[in-house]
C-alpha cells in the first residue's frame, strides 16, 4: 500500500512497530521509500484493557462526538501521543476529555 499509494507519513500504535519495519523494507525492495512515521502509545479502556475494534471495546469518532465537542478529540489525540491514555465513559458523557496523566518531571 505504501508503495502503490506513495504514502509519505504513517502513524501506528506501538504494538505494530515490527509490522511497520517489515512494511518499510518491502517498500524499499519495490524501489520506493518507506514513509516517515510516528509510533504512539496504546489506548486503554476503563478496565485497563487495550482498546481494540476486534475486542469490541473501541469507541468510534462518531460515538465520541455524541458526548464531547470536536476540539476534545484533537486534544485527546495530539496532546500526549506517546502516553498511555485510558477511556473513561463517565467523563465523556459529562462532555469532558479523558484524563491524561501529567508529564514526568526530569530531576
PDB file of N, CA and C in Angstrom:
ATOM      1  N   UNK A   1       0.828  -1.180   0.000  1.00  0.00           N
ATOM      2  CA  UNK A   1       0.000   0.000   0.000  1.00  0.00           C
ATOM      3  C   UNK A   1       0.872   1.243   0.000  1.00  0.00           C
ATOM      4  N   UNK A   2       1.923   1.241   0.822  1.00  0.00           N
ATOM      5  CA  UNK A   2       2.789   2.414   0.885  1.00  0.00           C
ATOM      6  C   UNK A   2       3.403   2.719  -0.473  1.00  0.00           C
ATOM      7  N   UNK A   3       3.866   1.681  -1.152  1.00  0.00           N
ATOM      8  CA  UNK A   3       4.491   1.875  -2.457  1.00  0.00           C
ATOM      9  C   UNK A   3       3.451   2.294  -3.498  1.00  0.00           C
ATOM     10  N   UNK A   4       2.349   1.567  -3.550  1.00  0.00           N
ATOM     11  CA  UNK A   4       1.324   1.819  -4.568  1.00  0.00           C
ATOM     12  C   UNK A   4       0.697   3.203  -4.429  1.00  0.00           C
ATOM     13  N   UNK A   5       0.523   3.675  -3.198  1.00  0.00           N
ATOM     14  CA  UNK A   5      -0.137   4.957  -2.967  1.00  0.00           C
ATOM     15  C   UNK A   5       0.846   6.092  -2.673  1.00  0.00           C
ATOM     16  N   UNK A   6       2.139   5.796  -2.736  1.00  0.00           N
ATOM     17  CA  UNK A   6       3.187   6.791  -2.464  1.00  0.00           C
ATOM     18  C   UNK A   6       2.947   7.483  -1.121  1.00  0.00           C
ATOM     19  N   UNK A   7       2.729   6.669  -0.089  1.00  0.00           N
ATOM     20  CA  UNK A   7       2.477   7.185   1.260  1.00  0.00           C
ATOM     21  C   UNK A   7       3.757   7.814   1.800  1.00  0.00           C
ATOM     22  N   UNK A   8       3.661   9.022   2.349  1.00  0.00           N
ATOM     23  CA  UNK A   8       4.862   9.675   2.878  1.00  0.00           C
ATOM     24  C   UNK A   8       4.861   9.818   4.395  1.00  0.00           C
ATOM     25  N   UNK A   9       3.729   9.505   5.068  1.00  0.00           N
ATOM     26  CA  UNK A   9       3.664   9.590   6.529  1.00  0.00           C
ATOM     27  C   UNK A   9       2.683   8.547   7.035  1.00  0.00           C
ATOM     28  N   UNK A  10       3.077   7.811   8.065  1.00  0.00           N
ATOM     29  CA  UNK A  10       2.219   6.753   8.599  1.00  0.00           C
ATOM     30  C   UNK A  10       2.336   6.724  10.119  1.00  0.00           C
ATOM     31  N   UNK A  11       1.197   6.729  10.798  1.00  0.00           N
ATOM     32  CA  UNK A  11       1.172   6.590  12.253  1.00  0.00           C
ATOM     33  C   UNK A  11       0.730   5.179  12.604  1.00  0.00           C
ATOM     34  N   UNK A  12       1.296   4.641  13.688  1.00  0.00           N
ATOM     35  CA  UNK A  12       0.916   3.294  14.120  1.00  0.00           C
ATOM     36  C   UNK A  12       1.104   3.172  15.620  1.00  0.00           C
ATOM     37  N   UNK A  13       0.282   2.345  16.231  1.00  0.00           N
ATOM     38  CA  UNK A  13       0.428   2.064  17.655  1.00  0.00           C
ATOM     39  C   UNK A  13       1.688   1.261  17.906  1.00  0.00           C
ATOM     40  N   UNK A  14       2.175   1.326  19.139  1.00  0.00           N
ATOM     41  CA  UNK A  14       3.435   0.667  19.450  1.00  0.00           C
ATOM     42  C   UNK A  14       3.362  -0.847  19.264  1.00  0.00           C
ATOM     43  N   UNK A  15       2.174  -1.420  19.262  1.00  0.00           N
ATOM     44  CA  UNK A  15       2.035  -2.857  19.044  1.00  0.00           C
ATOM     45  C   UNK A  15       2.284  -3.251  17.589  1.00  0.00           C
ATOM     46  N   UNK A  16       2.393  -2.286  16.693  1.00  0.00           N
ATOM     47  CA  UNK A  16       2.610  -2.581  15.270  1.00  0.00           C
ATOM     48  C   UNK A  16       4.013  -2.205  14.785  1.00  0.00           C
ATOM     49  N   UNK A  17       4.931  -1.932  15.690  1.00  0.00           N
ATOM     50  CA  UNK A  17       6.268  -1.484  15.301  1.00  0.00           C
ATOM     51  C   UNK A  17       6.959  -2.483  14.371  1.00  0.00           C
ATOM     52  N   UNK A  18       6.902  -3.762  14.690  1.00  0.00           N
ATOM     53  CA  UNK A  18       7.569  -4.763  13.842  1.00  0.00           C
ATOM     54  C   UNK A  18       6.926  -4.830  12.454  1.00  0.00           C
ATOM     55  N   UNK A  19       5.619  -4.692  12.379  1.00  0.00           N
ATOM     56  CA  UNK A  19       4.925  -4.679  11.093  1.00  0.00           C
ATOM     57  C   UNK A  19       5.338  -3.463  10.268  1.00  0.00           C
ATOM     58  N   UNK A  20       5.495  -2.325  10.928  1.00  0.00           N
ATOM     59  CA  UNK A  20       5.919  -1.100  10.240  1.00  0.00           C
ATOM     60  C   UNK A  20       7.323  -1.276   9.671  1.00  0.00           C
ATOM     61  N   UNK A  21       8.221  -1.874  10.459  1.00  0.00           N
ATOM     62  CA  UNK A  21       9.589  -2.107   9.977  1.00  0.00           C
ATOM     63  C   UNK A  21       9.576  -3.015   8.743  1.00  0.00           C
ATOM     64  N   UNK A  22       8.806  -4.102   8.804  1.00  0.00           N
ATOM     65  CA  UNK A  22       8.725  -5.025   7.672  1.00  0.00           C
ATOM     66  C   UNK A  22       8.120  -4.344   6.449  1.00  0.00           C
ATOM     67  N   UNK A  23       7.069  -3.572   6.642  1.00  0.00           N
ATOM     68  CA  UNK A  23       6.446  -2.859   5.525  1.00  0.00           C
ATOM     69  C   UNK A  23       7.424  -1.872   4.892  1.00  0.00           C
ATOM     70  N   UNK A  24       8.249  -1.240   5.706  1.00  0.00           N
ATOM     71  CA  UNK A  24       9.262  -0.327   5.186  1.00  0.00           C
ATOM     72  C   UNK A  24      10.287  -1.052   4.318  1.00  0.00           C
ATOM     73  N   UNK A  25      10.705  -2.222   4.778  1.00  0.00           N
ATOM     74  CA  UNK A  25      11.678  -2.998   3.979  1.00  0.00           C
ATOM     75  C   UNK A  25      11.060  -3.455   2.660  1.00  0.00           C
ATOM     76  N   UNK A  26       9.796  -3.870   2.695  1.00  0.00           N
ATOM     77  CA  UNK A  26       9.112  -4.300   1.465  1.00  0.00           C
ATOM     78  C   UNK A  26       9.018  -3.131   0.493  1.00  0.00           C
ATOM     79  N   UNK A  27       8.648  -1.966   0.992  1.00  0.00           N
ATOM     80  CA  UNK A  27       8.536  -0.773   0.144  1.00  0.00           C
ATOM     81  C   UNK A  27       9.875  -0.453  -0.506  1.00  0.00           C
ATOM     82  N   UNK A  28      10.957  -0.541   0.258  1.00  0.00           N
ATOM     83  CA  UNK A  28      12.288  -0.269  -0.289  1.00  0.00           C
ATOM     84  C   UNK A  28      12.687  -1.315  -1.336  1.00  0.00           C
ATOM     85  N   UNK A  29      12.339  -2.579  -1.102  1.00  0.00           N
ATOM     86  CA  UNK A  29      12.635  -3.631  -2.082  1.00  0.00           C
ATOM     87  C   UNK A  29      11.888  -3.391  -3.396  1.00  0.00           C
ATOM     88  N   UNK A  30      10.735  -2.777  -3.334  1.00  0.00           N
ATOM     89  CA  UNK A  30       9.958  -2.463  -4.536  1.00  0.00           C
ATOM     90  C   UNK A  30      10.471  -1.199  -5.233  1.00  0.00           C
ATOM     91  N   UNK A  31      11.482  -0.560  -4.640  1.00  0.00           N
ATOM     92  CA  UNK A  31      12.053   0.630  -5.254  1.00  0.00           C
ATOM     93  C   UNK A  31      11.514   1.935  -4.715  1.00  0.00           C
ATOM     94  N   UNK A  32      10.717   1.861  -3.658  1.00  0.00           N
ATOM     95  CA  UNK A  32      10.146   3.072  -3.061  1.00  0.00           C
ATOM     96  C   UNK A  32      10.888   3.479  -1.801  1.00  0.00           C
ATOM     97  N   UNK A  33      10.356   4.470  -1.137  1.00  0.00           N
ATOM     98  CA  UNK A  33      10.913   4.955   0.121  1.00  0.00           C
ATOM     99  C   UNK A  33       9.867   4.760   1.203  1.00  0.00           C
ATOM    100  N   UNK A  34      10.286   4.171   2.310  1.00  0.00           N
ATOM    101  CA  UNK A  34       9.364   3.984   3.435  1.00  0.00           C
ATOM    102  C   UNK A  34       8.934   5.357   3.950  1.00  0.00           C
ATOM    103  N   UNK A  35       7.677   5.500   4.344  1.00  0.00           N
ATOM    104  CA  UNK A  35       7.215   6.797   4.833  1.00  0.00           C
ATOM    105  C   UNK A  35       7.831   7.153   6.182  1.00  0.00           C
ATOM    106  N   UNK A  36       7.899   8.439   6.461  1.00  0.00           N
ATOM    107  CA  UNK A  36       8.243   8.874   7.808  1.00  0.00           C
ATOM    108  C   UNK A  36       7.123   8.396   8.709  1.00  0.00           C
ATOM    109  N   UNK A  37       7.453   8.092   9.941  1.00  0.00           N
ATOM    110  CA  UNK A  37       6.420   7.547  10.801  1.00  0.00           C
ATOM    111  C   UNK A  37       6.438   8.106  12.195  1.00  0.00           C
ATOM    112  N   UNK A  38       5.416   7.747  12.929  1.00  0.00           N
ATOM    113  CA  UNK A  38       5.280   8.138  14.320  1.00  0.00           C
ATOM    114  C   UNK A  38       4.576   6.996  15.038  1.00  0.00           C
ATOM    115  N   UNK A  39       5.177   6.510  16.107  1.00  0.00           N
ATOM    116  CA  UNK A  39       4.561   5.454  16.905  1.00  0.00           C
ATOM    117  C   UNK A  39       3.953   6.065  18.156  1.00  0.00           C
ATOM    118  N   UNK A  40       2.707   5.725  18.413  1.00  0.00           N
ATOM    119  CA  UNK A  40       2.023   6.257  19.580  1.00  0.00           C
ATOM    120  C   UNK A  40       1.725   5.144  20.564  1.00  0.00           C
ATOM    121  N   UNK A  41       1.431   5.517  21.786  1.00  0.00           N
ATOM    122  CA  UNK A  41       1.128   4.594  22.860  1.00  0.00           C
ATOM    123  C   UNK A  41      -0.252   3.994  22.646  1.00  0.00           C
ATOM    124  N   UNK A  42      -0.549   2.935  23.367  1.00  0.00           N
ATOM    125  CA  UNK A  42      -1.851   2.277  23.264  1.00  0.00           C
ATOM    126  C   UNK A  42      -2.900   3.030  24.059  1.00  0.00           C
ATOM    127  N   UNK A  43      -4.146   2.807  23.715  1.00  0.00           N
ATOM    128  CA  UNK A  43      -5.270   3.374  24.450  1.00  0.00           C
ATOM    129  C   UNK A  43      -5.891   2.251  25.273  1.00  0.00           C
ATOM    130  N   UNK A  44      -6.230   2.540  26.521  1.00  0.00           N
ATOM    131  CA  UNK A  44      -6.786   1.539  27.417  1.00  0.00           C
ATOM    132  C   UNK A  44      -8.216   1.895  27.796  1.00  0.00           C
ATOM    133  N   UNK A  45      -9.030   0.848  28.014  1.00  0.00           N
ATOM    134  CA  UNK A  45     -10.413   1.093  28.432  1.00  0.00           C
ATOM    135  C   UNK A  45     -10.483   1.284  29.945  1.00  0.00           C
ATOM    136  N   UNK A  46     -11.694   1.404  30.468  1.00  0.00           N
ATOM    137  CA  UNK A  46     -11.872   1.674  31.901  1.00  0.00           C
ATOM    138  C   UNK A  46     -11.373   0.534  32.791  1.00  0.00           C
ATOM    139  N   UNK A  47     -11.152  -0.657  32.212  1.00  0.00           N
ATOM    140  CA  UNK A  47     -10.614  -1.790  32.963  1.00  0.00           C
ATOM    141  C   UNK A  47      -9.115  -1.975  32.754  1.00  0.00           C
ATOM    142  N   UNK A  48      -8.487  -1.040  32.050  1.00  0.00           N
ATOM    143  CA  UNK A  48      -7.052  -1.148  31.784  1.00  0.00           C
ATOM    144  C   UNK A  48      -6.712  -2.086  30.640  1.00  0.00           C
ATOM    145  N   UNK A  49      -7.722  -2.534  29.890  1.00  0.00           N
ATOM    146  CA  UNK A  49      -7.514  -3.422  28.746  1.00  0.00           C
ATOM    147  C   UNK A  49      -7.255  -2.600  27.487  1.00  0.00           C
ATOM    148  N   UNK A  50      -6.453  -3.142  26.583  1.00  0.00           N
ATOM    149  CA  UNK A  50      -6.176  -2.469  25.313  1.00  0.00           C
ATOM    150  C   UNK A  50      -7.486  -2.265  24.542  1.00  0.00           C
ATOM    151  N   UNK A  51      -7.691  -1.057  24.051  1.00  0.00           N
ATOM    152  CA  UNK A  51      -8.867  -0.779  23.226  1.00  0.00           C
ATOM    153  C   UNK A  51      -8.609  -1.343  21.833  1.00  0.00           C
ATOM    154  N   UNK A  52      -9.546  -2.137  21.355  1.00  0.00           N
ATOM    155  CA  UNK A  52      -9.375  -2.830  20.088  1.00  0.00           C
ATOM    156  C   UNK A  52     -10.723  -3.016  19.413  1.00  0.00           C
ATOM    157  N   UNK A  53     -10.775  -2.743  18.115  1.00  0.00           N
ATOM    158  CA  UNK A  53     -12.025  -2.959  17.371  1.00  0.00           C
ATOM    159  C   UNK A  53     -12.422  -4.428  17.429  1.00  0.00           C
ATOM    160  N   UNK A  54     -11.433  -5.341  17.336  1.00  0.00           N
ATOM    161  CA  UNK A  54     -11.754  -6.763  17.321  1.00  0.00           C
ATOM    162  C   UNK A  54     -12.303  -7.240  18.665  1.00  0.00           C
ATOM    163  N   UNK A  55     -11.929  -6.570  19.767  1.00  0.00           N
ATOM    164  CA  UNK A  55     -12.463  -6.927  21.084  1.00  0.00           C
ATOM    165  C   UNK A  55     -13.832  -6.305  21.320  1.00  0.00           C
ATOM    166  N   UNK A  56     -14.191  -5.321  20.520  1.00  0.00           N
ATOM    167  CA  UNK A  56     -15.480  -4.667  20.665  1.00  0.00           C
ATOM    168  C   UNK A  56     -15.525  -3.627  21.767  1.00  0.00           C
ATOM    169  N   UNK A  57     -14.360  -3.197  22.265  1.00  0.00           N
ATOM    170  CA  UNK A  57     -14.359  -2.191  23.320  1.00  0.00           C
ATOM    171  C   UNK A  57     -13.875  -0.837  22.811  1.00  0.00           C
ATOM    172  N   UNK A  58     -13.899  -0.664  21.518  1.00  0.00           N
ATOM    173  CA  UNK A  58     -13.471   0.588  20.911  1.00  0.00           C
ATOM    174  C   UNK A  58     -14.571   1.632  20.944  1.00  0.00           C
ATOM    175  N   UNK A  59     -14.206   2.824  20.555  1.00  0.00           N
ATOM    176  CA  UNK A  59     -15.137   3.948  20.522  1.00  0.00           C
ATOM    177  C   UNK A  59     -14.907   4.671  19.196  1.00  0.00           C
ATOM    178  N   UNK A  60     -15.937   4.772  18.378  1.00  0.00           N
ATOM    179  CA  UNK A  60     -15.784   5.450  17.093  1.00  0.00           C
ATOM    180  C   UNK A  60     -15.737   6.955  17.303  1.00  0.00           C
ATOM    181  N   UNK A  61     -15.245   7.672  16.297  1.00  0.00           N
ATOM    182  CA  UNK A  61     -15.240   9.133  16.377  1.00  0.00           C
ATOM    183  C   UNK A  61     -16.663   9.664  16.517  1.00  0.00           C
ATOM    184  N   UNK A  62     -17.607   9.030  15.832  1.00  0.00           N
ATOM    185  CA  UNK A  62     -18.997   9.472  15.915  1.00  0.00           C
ATOM    186  C   UNK A  62     -19.536   9.315  17.330  1.00  0.00           C
ATOM    187  N   UNK A  63     -19.195   8.173  17.994  1.00  0.00           N
ATOM    188  CA  UNK A  63     -19.642   7.971  19.369  1.00  0.00           C
ATOM    189  C   UNK A  63     -19.013   9.010  20.292  1.00  0.00           C
ATOM    190  N   UNK A  64     -17.715   9.269  20.099  1.00  0.00           N
ATOM    191  CA  UNK A  64     -17.018  10.282  20.898  1.00  0.00           C
ATOM    192  C   UNK A  64     -17.731  11.629  20.770  1.00  0.00           C
ATOM    193  N   UNK A  65     -17.984  12.017  19.508  1.00  0.00           N
ATOM    194  CA  UNK A  65     -18.544  13.349  19.249  1.00  0.00           C
ATOM    195  C   UNK A  65     -20.000  13.473  19.696  1.00  0.00           C
ATOM    196  N   UNK A  66     -20.657  12.347  19.972  1.00  0.00           N
ATOM    197  CA  UNK A  66     -22.010  12.407  20.522  1.00  0.00           C
ATOM    198  C   UNK A  66     -21.981  12.931  21.957  1.00  0.00           C
ATOM    199  N   UNK A  67     -20.843  12.775  22.636  1.00  0.00           N
ATOM    200  CA  UNK A  67     -20.713  13.191  24.036  1.00  0.00           C
ATOM    201  C   UNK A  67     -19.853  14.426  24.247  1.00  0.00           C
ATOM    202  N   UNK A  68     -18.924  14.690  23.343  1.00  0.00           N
ATOM    203  CA  UNK A  68     -17.934  15.739  23.595  1.00  0.00           C
ATOM    204  C   UNK A  68     -17.761  16.628  22.370  1.00  0.00           C
ATOM    205  N   UNK A  69     -17.280  17.852  22.567  1.00  0.00           N
ATOM    206  CA  UNK A  69     -17.077  18.758  21.427  1.00  0.00           C
ATOM    207  C   UNK A  69     -15.943  18.287  20.518  1.00  0.00           C
ATOM    208  N   UNK A  70     -15.988  18.734  19.273  1.00  0.00           N
ATOM    209  CA  UNK A  70     -14.985  18.351  18.274  1.00  0.00           C
ATOM    210  C   UNK A  70     -13.554  18.579  18.773  1.00  0.00           C
ATOM    211  N   UNK A  71     -13.337  19.717  19.435  1.00  0.00           N
ATOM    212  CA  UNK A  71     -11.988  20.082  19.872  1.00  0.00           C
ATOM    213  C   UNK A  71     -11.414  19.078  20.856  1.00  0.00           C
ATOM    214  N   UNK A  72     -12.284  18.418  21.625  1.00  0.00           N
ATOM    215  CA  UNK A  72     -11.803  17.472  22.631  1.00  0.00           C
ATOM    216  C   UNK A  72     -11.109  16.276  21.985  1.00  0.00           C
ATOM    217  N   UNK A  73     -11.557  15.884  20.800  1.00  0.00           N
ATOM    218  CA  UNK A  73     -10.924  14.759  20.113  1.00  0.00           C
ATOM    219  C   UNK A  73      -9.494  15.110  19.727  1.00  0.00           C
ATOM    220  N   UNK A  74      -9.285  16.305  19.207  1.00  0.00           N
ATOM    221  CA  UNK A  74      -7.928  16.743  18.871  1.00  0.00           C
ATOM    222  C   UNK A  74      -7.046  16.819  20.101  1.00  0.00           C
ATOM    223  N   UNK A  75      -7.585  17.328  21.205  1.00  0.00           N
ATOM    224  CA  UNK A  75      -6.829  17.412  22.445  1.00  0.00           C
ATOM    225  C   UNK A  75      -6.419  16.026  22.905  1.00  0.00           C
ATOM    226  N   UNK A  76      -7.356  15.098  22.882  1.00  0.00           N
ATOM    227  CA  UNK A  76      -7.095  13.726  23.313  1.00  0.00           C
ATOM    228  C   UNK A  76      -6.032  13.062  22.440  1.00  0.00           C
ATOM    229  N   UNK A  77      -6.143  13.220  21.139  1.00  0.00           N
ATOM    230  CA  UNK A  77      -5.248  12.525  20.213  1.00  0.00           C
ATOM    231  C   UNK A  77      -3.846  13.117  20.159  1.00  0.00           C
ATOM    232  N   UNK A  78      -3.728  14.426  20.274  1.00  0.00           N
ATOM    233  CA  UNK A  78      -2.444  15.048  19.972  1.00  0.00           C
ATOM    234  C   UNK A  78      -1.715  15.672  21.155  1.00  0.00           C
ATOM    235  N   UNK A  79      -2.355  15.736  22.327  1.00  0.00           N
ATOM    236  CA  UNK A  79      -1.695  16.373  23.451  1.00  0.00           C
ATOM    237  C   UNK A  79      -0.468  15.578  23.911  1.00  0.00           C
ATOM    238  N   UNK A  80      -0.616  14.288  24.089  1.00  0.00           N
ATOM    239  CA  UNK A  80       0.491  13.439  24.543  1.00  0.00           C
ATOM    240  C   UNK A  80       0.385  12.082  23.848  1.00  0.00           C
ATOM    241  N   UNK A  81       0.728  12.015  22.572  1.00  0.00           N
ATOM    242  CA  UNK A  81       0.514  10.770  21.828  1.00  0.00           C
ATOM    243  C   UNK A  81       1.383   9.599  22.269  1.00  0.00           C
ATOM    244  N   UNK A  82       2.433   9.848  23.038  1.00  0.00           N
ATOM    245  CA  UNK A  82       3.292   8.758  23.490  1.00  0.00           C
ATOM    246  C   UNK A  82       2.979   8.338  24.927  1.00  0.00           C
ATOM    247  N   UNK A  83       1.822   8.744  25.441  1.00  0.00           N
ATOM    248  CA  UNK A  83       1.397   8.421  26.796  1.00  0.00           C
ATOM    249  C   UNK A  83       0.182   7.510  26.734  1.00  0.00           C
ATOM    250  N   UNK A  84       0.179   6.450  27.553  1.00  0.00           N
ATOM    251  CA  UNK A  84      -0.996   5.585  27.627  1.00  0.00           C
ATOM    252  C   UNK A  84      -2.155   6.403  28.161  1.00  0.00           C
ATOM    253  N   UNK A  85      -3.287   6.314  27.498  1.00  0.00           N
ATOM    254  CA  UNK A  85      -4.458   7.087  27.897  1.00  0.00           C
ATOM    255  C   UNK A  85      -5.621   6.132  28.093  1.00  0.00           C
ATOM    256  N   UNK A  86      -6.349   6.322  29.179  1.00  0.00           N
ATOM    257  CA  UNK A  86      -7.499   5.470  29.455  1.00  0.00           C
ATOM    258  C   UNK A  86      -8.799   6.120  29.015  1.00  0.00           C
ATOM    259  N   UNK A  87      -9.722   5.299  28.585  1.00  0.00           N
ATOM    260  CA  UNK A  87     -11.052   5.762  28.191  1.00  0.00           C
ATOM    261  C   UNK A  87     -11.927   5.774  29.430  1.00  0.00           C
ATOM    262  N   UNK A  88     -12.619   6.847  29.651  1.00  0.00           N
ATOM    263  CA  UNK A  88     -13.478   6.991  30.814  1.00  0.00           C
ATOM    264  C   UNK A  88     -14.834   7.493  30.327  1.00  0.00           C
ATOM    265  N   UNK A  89     -15.771   6.561  30.179  1.00  0.00           N
ATOM    266  CA  UNK A  89     -17.082   6.913  29.631  1.00  0.00           C
ATOM    267  C   UNK A  89     -17.790   7.969  30.467  1.00  0.00           C
ATOM    268  N   UNK A  90     -17.591   7.960  31.787  1.00  0.00           N
ATOM    269  CA  UNK A  90     -18.243   8.951  32.638  1.00  0.00           C
ATOM    270  C   UNK A  90     -17.818  10.360  32.281  1.00  0.00           C
ATOM    271  N   UNK A  91     -16.527  10.564  32.047  1.00  0.00           N
ATOM    272  CA  UNK A  91     -16.033  11.892  31.672  1.00  0.00           C
ATOM    273  C   UNK A  91     -16.573  12.286  30.299  1.00  0.00           C
ATOM    274  N   UNK A  92     -16.605  11.345  29.371  1.00  0.00           N
ATOM    275  CA  UNK A  92     -17.113  11.660  28.028  1.00  0.00           C
ATOM    276  C   UNK A  92     -18.580  12.082  28.098  1.00  0.00           C
ATOM    277  N   UNK A  93     -19.365  11.382  28.884  1.00  0.00           N
ATOM    278  CA  UNK A  93     -20.791  11.704  28.985  1.00  0.00           C
ATOM    279  C   UNK A  93     -21.020  13.066  29.632  1.00  0.00           C
ATOM    280  N   UNK A  94     -20.039  13.540  30.403  1.00  0.00           N
ATOM    281  CA  UNK A  94     -20.122  14.871  31.000  1.00  0.00           C
ATOM    282  C   UNK A  94     -19.570  15.938  30.056  1.00  0.00           C
ATOM    283  N   UNK A  95     -19.095  15.516  28.868  1.00  0.00           N
ATOM    284  CA  UNK A  95     -18.519  16.461  27.917  1.00  0.00           C
ATOM    285  C   UNK A  95     -17.091  16.832  28.240  1.00  0.00           C
ATOM    286  N   UNK A  96     -16.427  16.001  29.070  1.00  0.00           N
ATOM    287  CA  UNK A  96     -15.033  16.263  29.446  1.00  0.00           C
ATOM    288  C   UNK A  96     -14.103  15.324  28.699  1.00  0.00           C
ATOM    289  N   UNK A  97     -12.914  15.784  28.338  1.00  0.00           N
ATOM    290  CA  UNK A  97     -11.960  14.883  27.691  1.00  0.00           C
ATOM    291  C   UNK A  97     -11.422  13.878  28.699  1.00  0.00           C
ATOM    292  N   UNK A  98     -10.904  12.734  28.243  1.00  0.00           N
ATOM    293  CA  UNK A  98     -10.301  11.769  29.148  1.00  0.00           C
ATOM    294  C   UNK A  98      -9.148  12.409  29.918  1.00  0.00           C
ATOM    295  N   UNK A  99      -8.888  11.884  31.109  1.00  0.00           N
ATOM    296  CA  UNK A  99      -7.773  12.401  31.879  1.00  0.00           C
ATOM    297  C   UNK A  99      -6.480  11.856  31.296  1.00  0.00           C
ATOM    298  N   UNK A 100      -5.529  12.751  31.112  1.00  0.00           N
ATOM    299  CA  UNK A 100      -4.219  12.376  30.601  1.00  0.00           C
ATOM    300  C   UNK A 100      -3.238  12.574  31.741  1.00  0.00           C
ATOM    301  N   UNK A 101      -2.429  11.538  32.052  1.00  0.00           N
ATOM    302  CA  UNK A 101      -1.504  11.688  33.162  1.00  0.00           C
ATOM    303  C   UNK A 101      -0.555  12.861  32.956  1.00  0.00           C
ATOM    304  N   UNK A 102      -0.181  13.559  34.045  1.00  0.00           N
ATOM    305  CA  UNK A 102       0.752  14.664  33.892  1.00  0.00           C
ATOM    306  C   UNK A 102       2.125  14.150  33.461  1.00  0.00           C
ATOM    307  N   UNK A 103       2.940  15.002  32.823  1.00  0.00           N
ATOM    308  CA  UNK A 103       4.262  14.548  32.390  1.00  0.00           C
ATOM    309  C   UNK A 103       5.152  14.269  33.595  1.00  0.00           C
ATOM    310  N   UNK A 104       6.072  13.314  33.418  1.00  0.00           N
ATOM    311  CA  UNK A 104       7.049  13.033  34.456  1.00  0.00           C
ATOM    312  C   UNK A 104       8.129  14.105  34.386  1.00  0.00           C
ATOM    313  N   UNK A 105       8.460  14.659  35.540  1.00  0.00           N
ATOM    314  CA  UNK A 105       9.468  15.715  35.592  1.00  0.00           C
ATOM    315  C   UNK A 105      10.868  15.091  35.672  1.00  0.00           C
ATOM    316  N   UNK A 106      11.780  15.642  34.916  1.00  0.00           N
ATOM    317  CA  UNK A 106      13.165  15.180  34.971  1.00  0.00           C
ATOM    318  C   UNK A 106      13.842  15.780  36.197  1.00  0.00           C
ATOM    319  N   UNK A 107      14.643  15.003  36.857  1.00  0.00           N
ATOM    320  CA  UNK A 107      15.355  15.530  38.040  1.00  0.00           C
ATOM    321  C   UNK A 107      16.818  15.746  37.729  1.00  0.00           C
TER     322      UNK A 107
END
